[in-house]
């Protein structure tokens, strides 16, 4: 986060916990806001459910838009 303004891109790894982890999610949201304000491009990566259930933090993509507040609760 200290070097964010020197970056061209920011990788944002989205899981079911991304926006539902209290203070950690709030801190991440602040970093994303700083990046967006500074013109740092965001690269969004989504942990999708797999057929073998080996991705415990995954969630269906549509869950990111299931709530008016943008939560990733499933």
Protein backbone atom coordinates (compact mmCIF):
# COMPACT_ATOMS: atom_id res chain seq x y z
CA UNK A 1 0.00 0.00 0.00
CA UNK A 2 2.91 2.36 0.67
CA UNK A 3 4.04 2.10 -2.96
CA UNK A 4 0.57 2.15 -4.52
CA UNK A 5 0.96 5.54 -6.15
CA UNK A 6 4.08 4.32 -7.95
CA UNK A 7 2.19 1.43 -9.56
CA UNK A 8 0.62 1.26 -13.00
CA UNK A 9 -1.81 -1.51 -11.99
CA UNK A 10 -3.31 -3.04 -8.86
CA UNK A 11 -4.35 -6.68 -8.69
CA UNK A 12 -7.60 -7.10 -6.77
CA UNK A 13 -8.24 -10.74 -5.84
CA UNK A 14 -11.97 -11.20 -5.25
CA UNK A 15 -13.26 -13.99 -2.99
CA UNK A 16 -16.35 -14.47 -0.85
CA UNK A 17 -14.49 -12.65 1.94
CA UNK A 18 -13.27 -9.62 -0.02
CA UNK A 19 -15.93 -7.17 1.14
CA UNK A 20 -17.26 -9.00 4.21
CA UNK A 21 -14.21 -9.05 6.49
CA UNK A 22 -14.84 -5.98 8.62
CA UNK A 23 -11.80 -3.74 9.18
CA UNK A 24 -9.69 -5.65 6.66
CA UNK A 25 -12.30 -5.03 3.95
CA UNK A 26 -12.55 -1.36 4.93
CA UNK A 27 -8.78 -0.99 4.63
CA UNK A 28 -8.83 -2.68 1.22
CA UNK A 29 -11.68 -0.42 0.08
CA UNK A 30 -9.59 2.60 1.06
CA UNK A 31 -6.62 1.27 -0.94
CA UNK A 32 -8.86 0.69 -3.96
CA UNK A 33 -10.23 4.23 -3.67
CA UNK A 34 -6.70 5.67 -3.52
CA UNK A 35 -5.73 3.62 -6.57
CA UNK A 36 -8.77 4.69 -8.56
CA UNK A 37 -8.31 8.35 -7.63
CA UNK A 38 -4.66 8.18 -8.69
CA UNK A 39 -5.53 6.57 -12.00
CA UNK A 40 -3.98 3.20 -11.15
CA UNK A 41 -5.67 0.56 -13.30
CA UNK A 42 -7.41 -2.26 -11.44
CA UNK A 43 -7.04 -5.85 -12.57
CA UNK A 44 -9.88 -7.86 -11.02
CA UNK A 45 -9.41 -11.60 -10.49
CA UNK A 46 -12.31 -13.70 -9.23
CA UNK A 47 -11.98 -16.98 -7.32
CA UNK A 48 -14.72 -19.01 -8.96
CA UNK A 49 -16.20 -22.23 -7.61
CA UNK A 50 -14.63 -25.31 -9.14
CA UNK A 51 -16.10 -28.68 -9.92
CA UNK A 52 -13.98 -30.39 -7.24
CA UNK A 53 -14.84 -27.93 -4.43
CA UNK A 54 -11.13 -27.23 -3.76
CA UNK A 55 -11.66 -23.46 -3.62
CA UNK A 56 -13.15 -22.77 -0.17
CA UNK A 57 -13.13 -18.95 -0.58
CA UNK A 58 -14.85 -18.97 -3.95
CA UNK A 59 -18.26 -17.57 -4.74
CA UNK A 60 -20.41 -17.34 -7.85
CA UNK A 61 -19.64 -14.22 -9.88
CA UNK A 62 -23.24 -12.98 -9.63
CA UNK A 63 -22.88 -12.84 -5.82
CA UNK A 64 -20.75 -9.71 -6.20
CA UNK A 65 -23.88 -7.95 -7.47
CA UNK A 66 -26.52 -9.69 -5.33
CA UNK A 67 -26.91 -6.82 -2.88
CA UNK A 68 -27.35 -3.11 -3.38
CA UNK A 69 -24.26 -2.58 -1.17
CA UNK A 70 -22.05 -4.80 -3.36
CA UNK A 71 -21.49 -7.48 -0.76
CA UNK A 72 -20.03 -10.85 -1.66
CA UNK A 73 -22.08 -12.80 0.86
CA UNK A 74 -23.49 -15.97 -0.60
